[in-house]
């Protein structure tokens, strides 16, 4: 199956949303389907033009919160490196 970020099969979108719901039931409220898609496209499916449907399902179902959290933490650190201290005023001066 050709990998197209703008058009995933309905079954895959359903699984991604189900995984986000699963995290929510485990008390992890801040993870949504977009976070999961971001991880999949930038890590699991990176440099792949095609992927089997069964491999997509396996990647989604086997995704753990700790793996996703590590990815998101690294992403935030990388984004913060390009910021100036004034960008954090709302956090510092609350």
PDB file of N, CA and C in Angstrom:
ATOM      1  N   UNK A   1       0.836  -1.172   0.000  1.00  0.00           N
ATOM      2  CA  UNK A   1       0.000   0.000   0.000  1.00  0.00           C
ATOM      3  C   UNK A   1       0.886   1.242   0.000  1.00  0.00           C
ATOM      4  N   UNK A   2       0.564   2.192  -0.865  1.00  0.00           N
ATOM      5  CA  UNK A   2       1.327   3.431  -0.930  1.00  0.00           C
ATOM      6  C   UNK A   2       1.044   4.264   0.319  1.00  0.00           C
ATOM      7  N   UNK A   3       2.090   4.826   0.876  1.00  0.00           N
ATOM      8  CA  UNK A   3       1.995   5.603   2.108  1.00  0.00           C
ATOM      9  C   UNK A   3       1.712   7.061   1.770  1.00  0.00           C
ATOM     10  N   UNK A   4       0.511   7.517   2.093  1.00  0.00           N
ATOM     11  CA  UNK A   4       0.096   8.890   1.816  1.00  0.00           C
ATOM     12  C   UNK A   4      -0.468   9.493   3.095  1.00  0.00           C
ATOM     13  N   UNK A   5       0.243  10.472   3.680  1.00  0.00           N
ATOM     14  CA  UNK A   5      -0.191  11.036   4.951  1.00  0.00           C
ATOM     15  C   UNK A   5      -1.569  11.690   4.908  1.00  0.00           C
ATOM     16  N   UNK A   6      -1.986  12.122   3.743  1.00  0.00           N
ATOM     17  CA  UNK A   6      -3.279  12.792   3.640  1.00  0.00           C
ATOM     18  C   UNK A   6      -4.428  11.827   3.428  1.00  0.00           C
ATOM     19  N   UNK A   7      -4.101  10.602   3.096  1.00  0.00           N
ATOM     20  CA  UNK A   7      -5.181   9.647   2.854  1.00  0.00           C
ATOM     21  C   UNK A   7      -4.788   8.264   3.375  1.00  0.00           C
ATOM     22  N   UNK A   8      -5.095   8.047   4.622  1.00  0.00           N
ATOM     23  CA  UNK A   8      -4.912   6.724   5.203  1.00  0.00           C
ATOM     24  C   UNK A   8      -6.238   5.976   5.094  1.00  0.00           C
ATOM     25  N   UNK A   9      -6.175   4.669   4.966  1.00  0.00           N
ATOM     26  CA  UNK A   9      -7.431   3.909   4.947  1.00  0.00           C
ATOM     27  C   UNK A   9      -8.231   4.165   6.230  1.00  0.00           C
ATOM     28  N   UNK A  10      -9.539   4.101   6.114  1.00  0.00           N
ATOM     29  CA  UNK A  10     -10.412   4.336   7.266  1.00  0.00           C
ATOM     30  C   UNK A  10     -10.080   3.411   8.428  1.00  0.00           C
ATOM     31  N   UNK A  11      -9.726   2.177   8.128  1.00  0.00           N
ATOM     32  CA  UNK A  11      -9.396   1.209   9.184  1.00  0.00           C
ATOM     33  C   UNK A  11      -8.167   1.656   9.970  1.00  0.00           C
ATOM     34  N   UNK A  12      -7.194   2.229   9.282  1.00  0.00           N
ATOM     35  CA  UNK A  12      -5.972   2.688   9.950  1.00  0.00           C
ATOM     36  C   UNK A  12      -6.269   3.930  10.787  1.00  0.00           C
ATOM     37  N   UNK A  13      -7.054   4.852  10.241  1.00  0.00           N
ATOM     38  CA  UNK A  13      -7.453   6.023  11.029  1.00  0.00           C
ATOM     39  C   UNK A  13      -8.220   5.603  12.280  1.00  0.00           C
ATOM     40  N   UNK A  14      -9.085   4.617  12.134  1.00  0.00           N
ATOM     41  CA  UNK A  14      -9.832   4.112  13.280  1.00  0.00           C
ATOM     42  C   UNK A  14      -8.888   3.541  14.335  1.00  0.00           C
ATOM     43  N   UNK A  15      -7.905   2.765  13.907  1.00  0.00           N
ATOM     44  CA  UNK A  15      -6.951   2.185  14.855  1.00  0.00           C
ATOM     45  C   UNK A  15      -6.125   3.262  15.563  1.00  0.00           C
ATOM     46  N   UNK A  16      -5.739   4.281  14.840  1.00  0.00           N
ATOM     47  CA  UNK A  16      -4.969   5.372  15.441  1.00  0.00           C
ATOM     48  C   UNK A  16      -5.809   6.080  16.502  1.00  0.00           C
ATOM     49  N   UNK A  17      -7.056   6.367  16.181  1.00  0.00           N
ATOM     50  CA  UNK A  17      -7.940   6.999  17.165  1.00  0.00           C
ATOM     51  C   UNK A  17      -8.224   6.063  18.343  1.00  0.00           C
ATOM     52  N   UNK A  18      -8.329   4.776  18.063  1.00  0.00           N
ATOM     53  CA  UNK A  18      -8.531   3.799  19.135  1.00  0.00           C
ATOM     54  C   UNK A  18      -7.325   3.740  20.067  1.00  0.00           C
ATOM     55  N   UNK A  19      -6.140   3.851  19.497  1.00  0.00           N
ATOM     56  CA  UNK A  19      -4.924   3.850  20.314  1.00  0.00           C
ATOM     57  C   UNK A  19      -4.882   5.092  21.201  1.00  0.00           C
ATOM     58  N   UNK A  20      -5.256   6.242  20.662  1.00  0.00           N
ATOM     59  CA  UNK A  20      -5.314   7.471  21.457  1.00  0.00           C
ATOM     60  C   UNK A  20      -6.341   7.315  22.582  1.00  0.00           C
ATOM     61  N   UNK A  21      -7.474   6.709  22.278  1.00  0.00           N
ATOM     62  CA  UNK A  21      -8.506   6.457  23.284  1.00  0.00           C
ATOM     63  C   UNK A  21      -7.978   5.500  24.363  1.00  0.00           C
ATOM     64  N   UNK A  22      -7.242   4.483  23.936  1.00  0.00           N
ATOM     65  CA  UNK A  22      -6.638   3.528  24.879  1.00  0.00           C
ATOM     66  C   UNK A  22      -5.700   4.253  25.848  1.00  0.00           C
ATOM     67  N   UNK A  23      -4.869   5.141  25.320  1.00  0.00           N
ATOM     68  CA  UNK A  23      -3.979   5.921  26.189  1.00  0.00           C
ATOM     69  C   UNK A  23      -4.804   6.757  27.175  1.00  0.00           C
ATOM     70  N   UNK A  24      -5.885   7.344  26.684  1.00  0.00           N
ATOM     71  CA  UNK A  24      -6.751   8.137  27.545  1.00  0.00           C
ATOM     72  C   UNK A  24      -7.357   7.323  28.671  1.00  0.00           C
ATOM     73  N   UNK A  25      -7.747   6.102  28.371  1.00  0.00           N
ATOM     74  CA  UNK A  25      -8.314   5.219  29.405  1.00  0.00           C
ATOM     75  C   UNK A  25      -7.275   4.820  30.433  1.00  0.00           C
ATOM     76  N   UNK A  26      -5.999   4.877  30.025  1.00  0.00           N
ATOM     77  CA  UNK A  26      -4.906   4.571  30.950  1.00  0.00           C
ATOM     78  C   UNK A  26      -4.496   5.808  31.747  1.00  0.00           C
ATOM     79  N   UNK A  27      -5.234   6.910  31.563  1.00  0.00           N
ATOM     80  CA  UNK A  27      -4.953   8.125  32.313  1.00  0.00           C
ATOM     81  C   UNK A  27      -4.024   9.093  31.621  1.00  0.00           C
ATOM     82  N   UNK A  28      -3.706   8.832  30.372  1.00  0.00           N
ATOM     83  CA  UNK A  28      -2.810   9.694  29.601  1.00  0.00           C
ATOM     84  C   UNK A  28      -3.696  10.548  28.686  1.00  0.00           C
ATOM     85  N   UNK A  29      -4.056  11.722  29.152  1.00  0.00           N
ATOM     86  CA  UNK A  29      -5.057  12.543  28.479  1.00  0.00           C
ATOM     87  C   UNK A  29      -4.509  13.420  27.363  1.00  0.00           C
ATOM     88  N   UNK A  30      -3.253  13.703  27.350  1.00  0.00           N
ATOM     89  CA  UNK A  30      -2.707  14.681  26.413  1.00  0.00           C
ATOM     90  C   UNK A  30      -2.236  14.088  25.082  1.00  0.00           C
ATOM     91  N   UNK A  31      -2.389  12.808  24.882  1.00  0.00           N
ATOM     92  CA  UNK A  31      -1.994  12.169  23.624  1.00  0.00           C
ATOM     93  C   UNK A  31      -3.221  12.088  22.725  1.00  0.00           C
ATOM     94  N   UNK A  32      -3.075  12.578  21.501  1.00  0.00           N
ATOM     95  CA  UNK A  32      -4.197  12.462  20.571  1.00  0.00           C
ATOM     96  C   UNK A  32      -3.748  11.743  19.292  1.00  0.00           C
ATOM     97  N   UNK A  33      -4.675  11.562  18.386  1.00  0.00           N
ATOM     98  CA  UNK A  33      -4.397  10.831  17.153  1.00  0.00           C
ATOM     99  C   UNK A  33      -3.302  11.503  16.328  1.00  0.00           C
ATOM    100  N   UNK A  34      -3.256  12.831  16.351  1.00  0.00           N
ATOM    101  CA  UNK A  34      -2.218  13.540  15.581  1.00  0.00           C
ATOM    102  C   UNK A  34      -0.824  13.267  16.127  1.00  0.00           C
ATOM    103  N   UNK A  35      -0.699  13.132  17.446  1.00  0.00           N
ATOM    104  CA  UNK A  35       0.599  12.790  18.037  1.00  0.00           C
ATOM    105  C   UNK A  35       1.045  11.406  17.560  1.00  0.00           C
ATOM    106  N   UNK A  36       0.115  10.496  17.510  1.00  0.00           N
ATOM    107  CA  UNK A  36       0.427   9.129  17.074  1.00  0.00           C
ATOM    108  C   UNK A  36       0.804   9.117  15.596  1.00  0.00           C
ATOM    109  N   UNK A  37       0.029   9.823  14.770  1.00  0.00           N
ATOM    110  CA  UNK A  37       0.357   9.897  13.334  1.00  0.00           C
ATOM    111  C   UNK A  37       1.735  10.517  13.123  1.00  0.00           C
ATOM    112  N   UNK A  38       2.025  11.569  13.874  1.00  0.00           N
ATOM    113  CA  UNK A  38       3.321  12.235  13.762  1.00  0.00           C
ATOM    114  C   UNK A  38       4.446  11.244  14.048  1.00  0.00           C
ATOM    115  N   UNK A  39       4.310  10.476  15.110  1.00  0.00           N
ATOM    116  CA  UNK A  39       5.323   9.468  15.446  1.00  0.00           C
ATOM    117  C   UNK A  39       5.449   8.433  14.326  1.00  0.00           C
ATOM    118  N   UNK A  40       4.326   7.933  13.868  1.00  0.00           N
ATOM    119  CA  UNK A  40       4.357   6.881  12.846  1.00  0.00           C
ATOM    120  C   UNK A  40       5.061   7.366  11.577  1.00  0.00           C
ATOM    121  N   UNK A  41       4.710   8.563  11.127  1.00  0.00           N
ATOM    122  CA  UNK A  41       5.296   9.073   9.883  1.00  0.00           C
ATOM    123  C   UNK A  41       6.755   9.479  10.030  1.00  0.00           C
ATOM    124  N   UNK A  42       7.139   9.962  11.213  1.00  0.00           N
ATOM    125  CA  UNK A  42       8.517  10.428  11.386  1.00  0.00           C
ATOM    126  C   UNK A  42       9.472   9.379  11.941  1.00  0.00           C
ATOM    127  N   UNK A  43       8.936   8.289  12.453  1.00  0.00           N
ATOM    128  CA  UNK A  43       9.799   7.245  13.007  1.00  0.00           C
ATOM    129  C   UNK A  43       9.518   5.901  12.348  1.00  0.00           C
ATOM    130  N   UNK A  44       8.363   5.340  12.606  1.00  0.00           N
ATOM    131  CA  UNK A  44       8.058   3.974  12.137  1.00  0.00           C
ATOM    132  C   UNK A  44       8.019   3.855  10.621  1.00  0.00           C
ATOM    133  N   UNK A  45       7.418   4.840   9.972  1.00  0.00           N
ATOM    134  CA  UNK A  45       7.222   4.759   8.527  1.00  0.00           C
ATOM    135  C   UNK A  45       8.146   5.697   7.759  1.00  0.00           C
ATOM    136  N   UNK A  46       9.128   6.221   8.445  1.00  0.00           N
ATOM    137  CA  UNK A  46      10.063   7.144   7.806  1.00  0.00           C
ATOM    138  C   UNK A  46      10.818   6.423   6.691  1.00  0.00           C
ATOM    139  N   UNK A  47      11.005   7.099   5.602  1.00  0.00           N
ATOM    140  CA  UNK A  47      11.727   6.580   4.434  1.00  0.00           C
ATOM    141  C   UNK A  47      11.045   5.391   3.773  1.00  0.00           C
ATOM    142  N   UNK A  48       9.763   5.206   4.029  1.00  0.00           N
ATOM    143  CA  UNK A  48       9.018   4.126   3.371  1.00  0.00           C
ATOM    144  C   UNK A  48       8.023   4.747   2.414  1.00  0.00           C
ATOM    145  N   UNK A  49       8.019   4.262   1.208  1.00  0.00           N
ATOM    146  CA  UNK A  49       7.044   4.735   0.225  1.00  0.00           C
ATOM    147  C   UNK A  49       5.822   3.837   0.210  1.00  0.00           C
ATOM    148  N   UNK A  50       6.031   2.579   0.555  1.00  0.00           N
ATOM    149  CA  UNK A  50       4.929   1.619   0.615  1.00  0.00           C
ATOM    150  C   UNK A  50       5.061   0.792   1.881  1.00  0.00           C
ATOM    151  N   UNK A  51       3.914   0.355   2.393  1.00  0.00           N
ATOM    152  CA  UNK A  51       3.909  -0.461   3.594  1.00  0.00           C
ATOM    153  C   UNK A  51       2.671  -1.352   3.555  1.00  0.00           C
ATOM    154  N   UNK A  52       2.837  -2.558   4.005  1.00  0.00           N
ATOM    155  CA  UNK A  52       1.716  -3.498   4.044  1.00  0.00           C
ATOM    156  C   UNK A  52       0.736  -3.083   5.135  1.00  0.00           C
ATOM    157  N   UNK A  53      -0.532  -3.299   4.889  1.00  0.00           N
ATOM    158  CA  UNK A  53      -1.566  -2.957   5.851  1.00  0.00           C
ATOM    159  C   UNK A  53      -1.340  -3.659   7.191  1.00  0.00           C
ATOM    160  N   UNK A  54      -0.925  -4.914   7.146  1.00  0.00           N
ATOM    161  CA  UNK A  54      -0.689  -5.666   8.384  1.00  0.00           C
ATOM    162  C   UNK A  54       0.468  -5.062   9.187  1.00  0.00           C
ATOM    163  N   UNK A  55       1.465  -4.506   8.499  1.00  0.00           N
ATOM    164  CA  UNK A  55       2.579  -3.850   9.196  1.00  0.00           C
ATOM    165  C   UNK A  55       2.140  -2.532   9.826  1.00  0.00           C
ATOM    166  N   UNK A  56       1.242  -1.817   9.149  1.00  0.00           N
ATOM    167  CA  UNK A  56       0.695  -0.591   9.719  1.00  0.00           C
ATOM    168  C   UNK A  56      -0.075  -0.900  11.005  1.00  0.00           C
ATOM    169  N   UNK A  57      -0.888  -1.916  10.938  1.00  0.00           N
ATOM    170  CA  UNK A  57      -1.677  -2.332  12.107  1.00  0.00           C
ATOM    171  C   UNK A  57      -0.747  -2.717  13.247  1.00  0.00           C
ATOM    172  N   UNK A  58       0.266  -3.503  12.944  1.00  0.00           N
ATOM    173  CA  UNK A  58       1.213  -3.937  13.979  1.00  0.00           C
ATOM    174  C   UNK A  58       1.933  -2.745  14.609  1.00  0.00           C
ATOM    175  N   UNK A  59       2.359  -1.780  13.787  1.00  0.00           N
ATOM    176  CA  UNK A  59       3.052  -0.593  14.308  1.00  0.00           C
ATOM    177  C   UNK A  59       2.162   0.198  15.261  1.00  0.00           C
ATOM    178  N   UNK A  60       0.900   0.309  14.923  1.00  0.00           N
ATOM    179  CA  UNK A  60      -0.036   1.060  15.772  1.00  0.00           C
ATOM    180  C   UNK A  60      -0.332   0.307  17.054  1.00  0.00           C
ATOM    181  N   UNK A  61      -0.663  -0.955  16.922  1.00  0.00           N
ATOM    182  CA  UNK A  61      -1.077  -1.730  18.096  1.00  0.00           C
ATOM    183  C   UNK A  61       0.074  -1.982  19.068  1.00  0.00           C
ATOM    184  N   UNK A  62       1.287  -2.024  18.581  1.00  0.00           N
ATOM    185  CA  UNK A  62       2.430  -2.295  19.460  1.00  0.00           C
ATOM    186  C   UNK A  62       3.039  -1.018  20.048  1.00  0.00           C
ATOM    187  N   UNK A  63       2.531   0.146  19.654  1.00  0.00           N
ATOM    188  CA  UNK A  63       3.072   1.412  20.140  1.00  0.00           C
ATOM    189  C   UNK A  63       2.779   1.586  21.633  1.00  0.00           C
ATOM    190  N   UNK A  64       3.835   1.787  22.393  1.00  0.00           N
ATOM    191  CA  UNK A  64       3.672   1.982  23.837  1.00  0.00           C
ATOM    192  C   UNK A  64       3.749   3.466  24.166  1.00  0.00           C
ATOM    193  N   UNK A  65       3.166   3.825  25.303  1.00  0.00           N
ATOM    194  CA  UNK A  65       3.210   5.218  25.726  1.00  0.00           C
ATOM    195  C   UNK A  65       4.647   5.671  25.940  1.00  0.00           C
ATOM    196  N   UNK A  66       5.487   4.828  26.531  1.00  0.00           N
ATOM    197  CA  UNK A  66       6.866   5.240  26.809  1.00  0.00           C
ATOM    198  C   UNK A  66       7.628   5.551  25.517  1.00  0.00           C
ATOM    199  N   UNK A  67       7.391   4.792  24.474  1.00  0.00           N
ATOM    200  CA  UNK A  67       8.030   5.043  23.184  1.00  0.00           C
ATOM    201  C   UNK A  67       7.551   6.369  22.608  1.00  0.00           C
ATOM    202  N   UNK A  68       6.248   6.572  22.643  1.00  0.00           N
ATOM    203  CA  UNK A  68       5.686   7.816  22.127  1.00  0.00           C
ATOM    204  C   UNK A  68       6.138   9.009  22.964  1.00  0.00           C
ATOM    205  N   UNK A  69       6.193   8.847  24.269  1.00  0.00           N
ATOM    206  CA  UNK A  69       6.624   9.921  25.161  1.00  0.00           C
ATOM    207  C   UNK A  69       8.073  10.303  24.877  1.00  0.00           C
ATOM    208  N   UNK A  70       8.939   9.323  24.701  1.00  0.00           N
ATOM    209  CA  UNK A  70      10.346   9.598  24.388  1.00  0.00           C
ATOM    210  C   UNK A  70      10.473  10.383  23.082  1.00  0.00           C
ATOM    211  N   UNK A  71       9.689  10.003  22.086  1.00  0.00           N
ATOM    212  CA  UNK A  71       9.696  10.722  20.808  1.00  0.00           C
ATOM    213  C   UNK A  71       9.241  12.166  20.998  1.00  0.00           C
ATOM    214  N   UNK A  72       8.142  12.357  21.720  1.00  0.00           N
ATOM    215  CA  UNK A  72       7.595  13.699  21.925  1.00  0.00           C
ATOM    216  C   UNK A  72       8.540  14.564  22.750  1.00  0.00           C
ATOM    217  N   UNK A  73       9.202  13.956  23.727  1.00  0.00           N
ATOM    218  CA  UNK A  73      10.160  14.692  24.545  1.00  0.00           C
ATOM    219  C   UNK A  73      11.336  15.167  23.690  1.00  0.00           C
ATOM    220  N   UNK A  74      11.863  14.296  22.856  1.00  0.00           N
ATOM    221  CA  UNK A  74      12.973  14.665  21.970  1.00  0.00           C
ATOM    222  C   UNK A  74      12.544  15.748  20.976  1.00  0.00           C
ATOM    223  N   UNK A  75      11.320  15.653  20.496  1.00  0.00           N
ATOM    224  CA  UNK A  75      10.795  16.644  19.551  1.00  0.00           C
ATOM    225  C   UNK A  75      10.702  18.019  20.214  1.00  0.00           C
ATOM    226  N   UNK A  76      10.217  18.066  21.436  1.00  0.00           N
ATOM    227  CA  UNK A  76      10.098  19.339  22.159  1.00  0.00           C
ATOM    228  C   UNK A  76      11.474  19.937  22.433  1.00  0.00           C
ATOM    229  N   UNK A  77      12.420  19.098  22.823  1.00  0.00           N
ATOM    230  CA  UNK A  77      13.777  19.583  23.082  1.00  0.00           C
ATOM    231  C   UNK A  77      14.382  20.154  21.801  1.00  0.00           C
ATOM    232  N   UNK A  78      14.195  19.470  20.702  1.00  0.00           N
ATOM    233  CA  UNK A  78      14.733  19.943  19.423  1.00  0.00           C
ATOM    234  C   UNK A  78      14.089  21.268  19.021  1.00  0.00           C
ATOM    235  N   UNK A  79      12.781  21.383  19.203  1.00  0.00           N
ATOM    236  CA  UNK A  79      12.083  22.626  18.871  1.00  0.00           C
ATOM    237  C   UNK A  79      12.512  23.759  19.795  1.00  0.00           C
ATOM    238  N   UNK A  80      12.755  23.463  21.058  1.00  0.00           N
ATOM    239  CA  UNK A  80      13.141  24.486  22.030  1.00  0.00           C
ATOM    240  C   UNK A  80      14.523  25.057  21.728  1.00  0.00           C
ATOM    241  N   UNK A  81      15.370  24.289  21.094  1.00  0.00           N
ATOM    242  CA  UNK A  81      16.716  24.761  20.772  1.00  0.00           C
ATOM    243  C   UNK A  81      16.701  25.949  19.815  1.00  0.00           C
ATOM    244  N   UNK A  82      15.660  26.060  19.025  1.00  0.00           N
ATOM    245  CA  UNK A  82      15.581  27.156  18.064  1.00  0.00           C
ATOM    246  C   UNK A  82      14.837  28.363  18.626  1.00  0.00           C
ATOM    247  N   UNK A  83      14.438  28.304  19.876  1.00  0.00           N
ATOM    248  CA  UNK A  83      13.687  29.392  20.510  1.00  0.00           C
ATOM    249  C   UNK A  83      14.617  30.313  21.287  1.00  0.00           C
ATOM    250  N   UNK A  84      14.113  31.506  21.532  1.00  0.00           N
ATOM    251  CA  UNK A  84      14.795  32.490  22.353  1.00  0.00           C
ATOM    252  C   UNK A  84      14.163  32.461  23.745  1.00  0.00           C
ATOM    253  N   UNK A  85      14.879  32.906  24.762  1.00  0.00           N
ATOM    254  CA  UNK A  85      14.357  32.877  26.130  1.00  0.00           C
ATOM    255  C   UNK A  85      13.053  33.667  26.244  1.00  0.00           C
ATOM    256  N   UNK A  86      12.894  34.705  25.453  1.00  0.00           N
ATOM    257  CA  UNK A  86      11.663  35.498  25.504  1.00  0.00           C
ATOM    258  C   UNK A  86      10.437  34.700  25.045  1.00  0.00           C
ATOM    259  N   UNK A  87      10.656  33.644  24.283  1.00  0.00           N
ATOM    260  CA  UNK A  87       9.544  32.791  23.859  1.00  0.00           C
ATOM    261  C   UNK A  87       8.921  32.036  25.029  1.00  0.00           C
ATOM    262  N   UNK A  88       9.622  31.995  26.152  1.00  0.00           N
ATOM    263  CA  UNK A  88       9.149  31.246  27.318  1.00  0.00           C
ATOM    264  C   UNK A  88       8.635  32.160  28.430  1.00  0.00           C
ATOM    265  N   UNK A  89       8.434  33.448  28.127  1.00  0.00           N
ATOM    266  CA  UNK A  89       7.979  34.396  29.137  1.00  0.00           C
ATOM    267  C   UNK A  89       6.672  33.977  29.797  1.00  0.00           C
ATOM    268  N   UNK A  90       5.745  33.440  29.026  1.00  0.00           N
ATOM    269  CA  UNK A  90       4.456  33.042  29.596  1.00  0.00           C
ATOM    270  C   UNK A  90       4.613  31.898  30.597  1.00  0.00           C
ATOM    271  N   UNK A  91       5.632  31.077  30.456  1.00  0.00           N
ATOM    272  CA  UNK A  91       5.896  30.012  31.416  1.00  0.00           C
ATOM    273  C   UNK A  91       6.623  30.521  32.650  1.00  0.00           C
ATOM    274  N   UNK A  92       7.518  31.474  32.433  1.00  0.00           N
ATOM    275  CA  UNK A  92       8.367  31.978  33.525  1.00  0.00           C
ATOM    276  C   UNK A  92       7.612  32.945  34.423  1.00  0.00           C
ATOM    277  N   UNK A  93       6.794  33.812  33.829  1.00  0.00           N
ATOM    278  CA  UNK A  93       6.173  34.899  34.583  1.00  0.00           C
ATOM    279  C   UNK A  93       4.681  34.710  34.810  1.00  0.00           C
ATOM    280  N   UNK A  94       4.253  33.527  35.106  1.00  0.00           N
ATOM    281  CA  UNK A  94       2.825  33.283  35.388  1.00  0.00           C
ATOM    282  C   UNK A  94       2.499  33.638  36.802  1.00  0.00           C
TER     283      UNK A  94
END
